[in-house]
Amino acid sequence: MKPNLYNLEGGVGKHLQFSTLIEPLYKKYQKKLIIYSGFPEIFNYNKHVADSRLFAHNTFIDNSYQWFQKFDKIFYHDPYKSDWLKGNKHVVQQWSEMYEVEIKDVRPNFSINKEREKKLFDVIKNIGNFILLQFTGGQGVIQSDYNKDNFGRNFKQGQDLIYLLQDAFPQHGLIVFGHDNEQQEYVGETKYKDNTGASLFCNREDFLILSKYCKFFIGIDSSLQHMCSNQKFNKKGIVLWGSTMPNMFGYDTNVNLISEYPGCTEIEPKKIVEEALNLEIK
């Protein structure tokens, strides 16, 4: 029985959201998925995925058809190329309708690298309580022309928020997710090293694992909110919204703070900490 091929474009967050559909698609067609995408490592550890590889067939050659004949159905459904752009529903809900599958929970449902988790477990256990933070995003890989504003999604008061979090949660580590070219290192963010002195938690794969163990998270509309909102982890957090909206990309299980300033993520750090303290109480 030939497998189905699923093609996926977009950023890390969009890939994580696609993970919600994998089990329903497996159940519908009763066969494992083949996925071609921009970030294939995200799907490598899912038991319903037979193969996940880099999307690499933009250029067609004379014998391309021979390869594609190895598949039963070839899908390229993309909410970003549909009337979902009108903003009336969640992106995962739109995807489920395009694929004609039923979903009960729009949160991501990805699997992590268990071998890497075992290697990090003792380190994470020794850290104790920690909070994951993301104030900048928008680039799955480092770009030379990075947009520091991230089209209105980046939160520019990260340093002020970290100072307040240090006072409110003095026994918690504060681990920041982001590329080096997005912002300078914050005063007060927590860095960890292994027994050889090498820095830990410097890549996406490690943060996917950290998301399972964090106390809670605070982030913008970017990949960290999707990591921590994994159905398997059932974490709660605070998401800061600027130029995008939670009804299209977010999750009701989190506290969604929406900026009243159009086109930018302008939210008082004090308000964020107040919400964080309420999360802690719950």
Protein backbone atom coordinates (compact mmCIF):
# COMPACT_ATOMS: atom_id res chain seq x y z
CA MET A 1 0.00 0.00 0.00
CA LYS A 2 1.57 3.26 -1.14
CA PRO A 3 1.90 6.03 1.50
CA ASN A 4 0.55 9.55 1.27
CA LEU A 5 2.89 12.52 0.94
CA TYR A 6 2.22 15.72 2.91
CA ASN A 7 3.99 18.93 1.90
CA LEU A 8 4.38 21.73 4.40
CA GLU A 9 5.81 25.25 4.18
CA GLY A 10 6.19 28.00 6.77
CA GLY A 11 7.90 28.66 10.09
CA VAL A 12 8.62 26.53 13.14
CA GLY A 13 5.35 27.43 14.85
CA LYS A 14 3.33 26.42 11.81
CA HIS A 15 5.14 23.08 11.70
CA LEU A 16 4.41 22.46 15.37
CA GLN A 17 0.75 23.24 14.76
CA PHE A 18 0.64 20.74 11.90
CA SER A 19 1.60 18.04 14.42
CA THR A 20 -1.98 18.22 15.72
CA LEU A 21 -3.17 16.65 12.46
CA ILE A 22 -0.77 13.71 12.29
CA GLU A 23 -2.70 11.22 14.43
CA PRO A 24 -6.10 12.03 12.82
CA LEU A 25 -4.54 11.66 9.35
CA TYR A 26 -2.99 8.35 10.34
CA LYS A 27 -6.34 7.08 11.59
CA LYS A 28 -8.18 8.30 8.48
CA TYR A 29 -5.93 6.58 5.95
CA GLN A 30 -4.58 3.78 8.18
CA LYS A 31 -0.99 4.39 7.08
CA LYS A 32 1.97 6.33 8.32
CA LEU A 33 2.74 9.75 6.91
CA ILE A 34 5.60 10.90 4.71
CA ILE A 35 6.22 14.61 5.35
CA TYR A 36 8.32 17.03 3.30
CA SER A 37 8.80 20.32 5.13
CA GLY A 38 11.11 23.15 6.08
CA PHE A 39 11.90 21.72 9.54
CA PRO A 40 11.80 17.93 9.21
CA GLU A 41 13.38 17.31 12.62
CA ILE A 42 10.11 18.35 14.28
CA PHE A 43 8.39 15.20 13.00
CA ASN A 44 11.26 12.71 13.34
CA TYR A 45 10.09 11.22 16.64
CA ASN A 46 6.40 10.81 15.88
CA LYS A 47 5.38 7.13 15.76
CA HIS A 48 2.88 7.84 12.97
CA VAL A 49 5.50 9.36 10.64
CA ALA A 50 7.47 6.95 8.47
CA ASP A 51 9.81 9.56 7.00
CA SER A 52 10.33 13.28 7.48
CA ARG A 53 12.71 15.10 5.18
CA LEU A 54 13.54 18.55 3.88
CA PHE A 55 11.18 19.95 1.29
CA ALA A 56 13.35 19.78 -1.83
CA HIS A 57 11.28 19.40 -4.97
CA ASN A 58 10.76 22.98 -6.03
CA THR A 59 12.66 22.25 -9.24
CA PHE A 60 11.12 19.51 -11.35
CA ILE A 61 13.18 17.45 -13.75
CA ASP A 62 12.22 14.95 -16.44
CA ASN A 63 12.10 11.96 -14.10
CA SER A 64 10.38 13.67 -11.13
CA TYR A 65 7.16 11.84 -11.92
CA GLN A 66 8.89 8.51 -11.26
CA TRP A 67 9.48 9.52 -7.65
CA PHE A 68 6.01 10.95 -7.08
CA GLN A 69 4.39 7.81 -8.49
CA LYS A 70 5.64 6.05 -5.36
CA PHE A 71 2.89 7.83 -3.40
CA ASP A 72 -0.84 7.27 -3.27
CA LYS A 73 -2.10 10.79 -2.52
CA ILE A 74 0.03 13.94 -2.56
CA PHE A 75 -1.27 16.75 -0.34
CA TYR A 76 -0.31 20.42 -0.28
CA HIS A 77 -3.10 21.95 1.78
CA ASP A 78 -2.15 25.33 3.22
CA PRO A 79 -4.48 27.57 5.28
CA TYR A 80 -2.33 30.56 4.31
CA LYS A 81 -3.59 30.08 0.76
CA SER A 82 -7.29 29.96 1.61
CA ASP A 83 -10.13 32.10 2.98
CA TRP A 84 -8.71 31.44 6.45
CA LEU A 85 -6.87 34.74 5.82
CA LYS A 86 -10.13 36.50 6.72
CA GLY A 87 -9.36 35.66 10.35
CA ASN A 88 -12.55 33.85 11.31
CA LYS A 89 -11.09 30.64 12.72
CA HIS A 90 -8.02 28.97 14.17
CA VAL A 91 -5.36 27.83 11.69
CA VAL A 92 -5.51 24.22 12.93
CA GLN A 93 -9.29 24.17 12.57
CA GLN A 94 -8.94 25.38 8.99
CA TRP A 95 -6.32 22.71 8.30
CA SER A 96 -8.54 19.98 9.72
CA GLU A 97 -11.37 21.04 7.42
CA MET A 98 -9.07 21.05 4.40
CA TYR A 99 -7.92 17.52 5.24
CA GLU A 100 -11.44 16.47 6.26
CA VAL A 101 -10.42 15.15 9.68
CA GLU A 102 -11.92 15.86 13.08
CA ILE A 103 -9.87 17.34 15.90
CA LYS A 104 -10.94 17.89 19.49
CA ASP A 105 -7.93 19.93 20.61
CA VAL A 106 -6.09 22.51 18.48
CA ARG A 107 -2.95 22.39 20.62
CA PRO A 108 0.21 20.81 19.11
CA ASN A 109 0.82 17.11 19.60
CA PHE A 110 4.48 16.50 18.82
CA SER A 111 7.00 14.02 20.22
CA ILE A 112 10.46 14.82 21.54
CA ASN A 113 13.84 13.13 21.18
CA LYS A 114 13.81 10.62 24.04
CA GLU A 115 17.53 9.87 23.81
CA ARG A 116 18.38 13.56 24.16
CA GLU A 117 15.88 13.87 26.99
CA LYS A 118 17.67 11.10 28.91
CA LYS A 119 20.99 12.92 28.51
CA LEU A 120 19.53 16.18 29.79
CA PHE A 121 17.33 14.77 32.53
CA ASP A 122 19.82 14.97 35.42
CA VAL A 123 20.78 18.52 34.44
CA ILE A 124 17.14 19.60 34.28
CA LYS A 125 16.41 17.89 37.60
CA ASN A 126 19.26 19.79 39.27
CA ILE A 127 18.02 23.10 37.89
CA GLY A 128 14.78 22.84 39.83
CA ASN A 129 12.05 25.32 38.94
CA PHE A 130 12.51 27.42 35.83
CA ILE A 131 10.48 29.71 33.58
CA LEU A 132 10.88 29.75 29.80
CA LEU A 133 10.82 33.14 28.07
CA GLN A 134 10.66 34.30 24.46
CA PHE A 135 10.54 37.98 23.54
CA THR A 136 11.79 37.81 19.96
CA GLY A 137 11.24 35.44 17.07
CA GLY A 138 10.27 35.15 13.46
CA GLN A 139 13.28 33.27 12.10
CA GLY A 140 13.52 29.50 12.10
CA VAL A 141 17.16 29.85 11.08
CA ILE A 142 19.41 32.88 11.55
CA GLN A 143 18.93 35.50 8.83
CA SER A 144 21.38 38.24 7.91
CA ASP A 145 18.58 40.78 7.44
CA TYR A 146 16.57 40.01 10.59
CA ASN A 147 13.62 42.33 11.22
CA LYS A 148 14.14 43.47 14.84
CA ASP A 149 10.49 44.44 15.13
CA ASN A 150 9.35 41.05 13.76
CA PHE A 151 6.38 42.76 12.13
CA GLY A 152 4.97 43.95 15.43
CA ARG A 153 5.29 40.67 17.33
CA ASN A 154 8.51 41.20 19.34
CA PHE A 155 8.27 42.40 22.94
CA LYS A 156 10.71 45.26 23.57
CA GLN A 157 10.47 45.38 27.37
CA GLY A 158 12.01 41.98 28.01
CA GLN A 159 14.74 43.35 30.25
CA ASP A 160 12.28 45.19 32.49
CA LEU A 161 10.16 42.05 32.73
CA ILE A 162 13.15 39.92 33.74
CA TYR A 163 13.98 42.31 36.57
CA LEU A 164 10.42 42.00 37.89
CA LEU A 165 10.43 38.22 37.49
CA GLN A 166 13.65 37.98 39.51
CA ASP A 167 11.88 39.69 42.40
CA ALA A 168 8.62 37.77 42.04
CA PHE A 169 10.19 34.32 41.47
CA PRO A 170 13.62 34.41 43.15
CA GLN A 171 13.93 30.60 43.25
CA HIS A 172 13.33 30.14 39.53
CA GLY A 173 15.74 30.06 36.64
CA LEU A 174 14.87 32.35 33.72
CA ILE A 175 15.78 30.68 30.44
CA VAL A 176 15.41 32.78 27.27
CA PHE A 177 14.72 31.25 23.87
CA GLY A 178 15.97 33.08 20.77
CA HIS A 179 18.78 33.49 18.28
CA ASP A 180 21.85 35.58 19.17
CA ASN A 181 21.16 38.13 16.44
CA GLU A 182 17.70 38.96 17.81
CA GLN A 183 18.77 40.71 21.02
CA GLN A 184 21.69 41.15 23.37
CA GLU A 185 21.91 38.83 26.36
CA TYR A 186 19.56 40.02 29.09
CA VAL A 187 20.86 40.86 32.55
CA GLY A 188 19.44 38.22 34.85
CA GLU A 189 18.70 35.49 32.33
CA THR A 190 19.99 32.10 33.46
CA LYS A 191 22.69 30.28 31.49
CA TYR A 192 23.69 26.66 32.03
CA LYS A 193 26.79 24.66 31.10
CA ASP A 194 27.60 20.97 31.08
CA ASN A 195 30.52 19.40 32.98
CA THR A 196 32.90 20.27 30.13
CA GLY A 197 31.97 23.96 30.24
CA ALA A 198 29.96 23.91 27.01
CA SER A 199 26.73 25.88 26.94
CA LEU A 200 23.48 23.97 27.27
CA PHE A 201 20.03 24.63 25.80
CA CYS A 202 21.27 26.43 22.70
CA ASN A 203 19.03 24.84 20.09
CA ARG A 204 15.39 24.21 19.28
CA GLU A 205 15.52 20.50 20.08
CA ASP A 206 16.61 21.17 23.66
CA PHE A 207 13.86 23.75 24.15
CA LEU A 208 11.29 21.24 22.95
CA ILE A 209 12.48 19.09 25.86
CA LEU A 210 12.66 21.98 28.34
CA SER A 211 9.05 22.80 27.50
CA LYS A 212 8.05 19.54 29.15
CA TYR A 213 9.66 20.49 32.46
CA CYS A 214 9.19 24.26 32.81
CA LYS A 215 7.07 25.69 35.62
CA PHE A 216 5.36 27.95 33.10
CA PHE A 217 6.29 30.17 30.17
CA ILE A 218 5.94 33.73 28.92
CA GLY A 219 6.28 34.40 25.22
CA ILE A 220 5.17 36.21 22.13
CA ASP A 221 3.30 34.74 19.17
CA SER A 222 6.19 32.53 18.13
CA SER A 223 7.45 28.98 18.46
CA LEU A 224 7.81 28.78 22.26
CA GLN A 225 4.06 29.09 22.88
CA HIS A 226 3.50 26.13 20.55
CA MET A 227 6.26 24.09 22.21
CA CYS A 228 4.90 24.59 25.72
CA SER A 229 1.27 24.17 24.68
CA ASN A 230 1.88 20.58 23.58
CA GLN A 231 -1.05 18.37 24.57
CA LYS A 232 1.35 15.87 26.13
CA PHE A 233 2.90 18.50 28.44
CA ASN A 234 -0.26 20.37 29.46
CA LYS A 235 1.68 23.46 30.52
CA LYS A 236 0.17 26.90 30.99
CA GLY A 237 1.69 30.23 30.17
CA ILE A 238 1.23 33.83 29.18
CA VAL A 239 1.29 34.86 25.54
CA LEU A 240 1.84 38.50 24.51
CA TRP A 241 -0.03 39.49 21.36
CA GLY A 242 0.68 42.47 19.14
CA SER A 243 0.05 42.34 15.40
CA THR A 244 -1.53 38.86 15.44
CA MET A 245 -4.48 37.40 17.33
CA PRO A 246 -4.97 34.34 19.56
CA ASN A 247 -8.20 33.25 17.84
CA MET A 248 -6.07 32.42 14.77
CA PHE A 249 -2.83 31.16 16.35
CA GLY A 250 -3.24 30.79 20.13
CA TYR A 251 -4.73 28.45 22.73
CA ASP A 252 -7.43 29.02 25.35
CA THR A 253 -5.40 27.11 27.94
CA ASN A 254 -2.99 30.07 28.15
CA VAL A 255 -3.46 33.61 29.38
CA ASN A 256 -3.57 35.67 26.21
CA LEU A 257 -2.69 39.34 26.78
CA ILE A 258 -3.58 41.49 23.77
CA SER A 259 -1.85 44.82 23.22
CA GLU A 260 -4.17 47.81 22.91
CA TYR A 261 -1.53 49.49 20.76
CA PRO A 262 -2.14 48.56 17.10
CA GLY A 263 0.67 46.79 15.27
CA CYS A 264 2.99 46.33 18.27
CA THR A 265 3.31 44.23 21.42
CA GLU A 266 3.05 46.96 24.04
CA ILE A 267 2.03 45.42 27.38
CA GLU A 268 3.05 46.58 30.85
CA PRO A 269 5.62 44.21 32.43
CA LYS A 270 3.89 44.68 35.80
CA LYS A 271 0.63 43.35 34.34
CA ILE A 272 2.46 40.30 32.98
CA VAL A 273 3.99 39.50 36.37
CA GLU A 274 0.60 39.85 38.06
CA GLU A 275 -0.78 37.26 35.67
CA ALA A 276 2.26 35.05 36.27
CA LEU A 277 1.66 35.12 40.03
CA ASN A 278 -1.93 34.04 39.44
CA LEU A 279 -0.66 31.18 37.27
CA GLU A 280 1.64 30.10 40.07
CA ILE A 281 -1.21 30.10 42.57
CA LYS A 282 -3.28 27.82 40.33
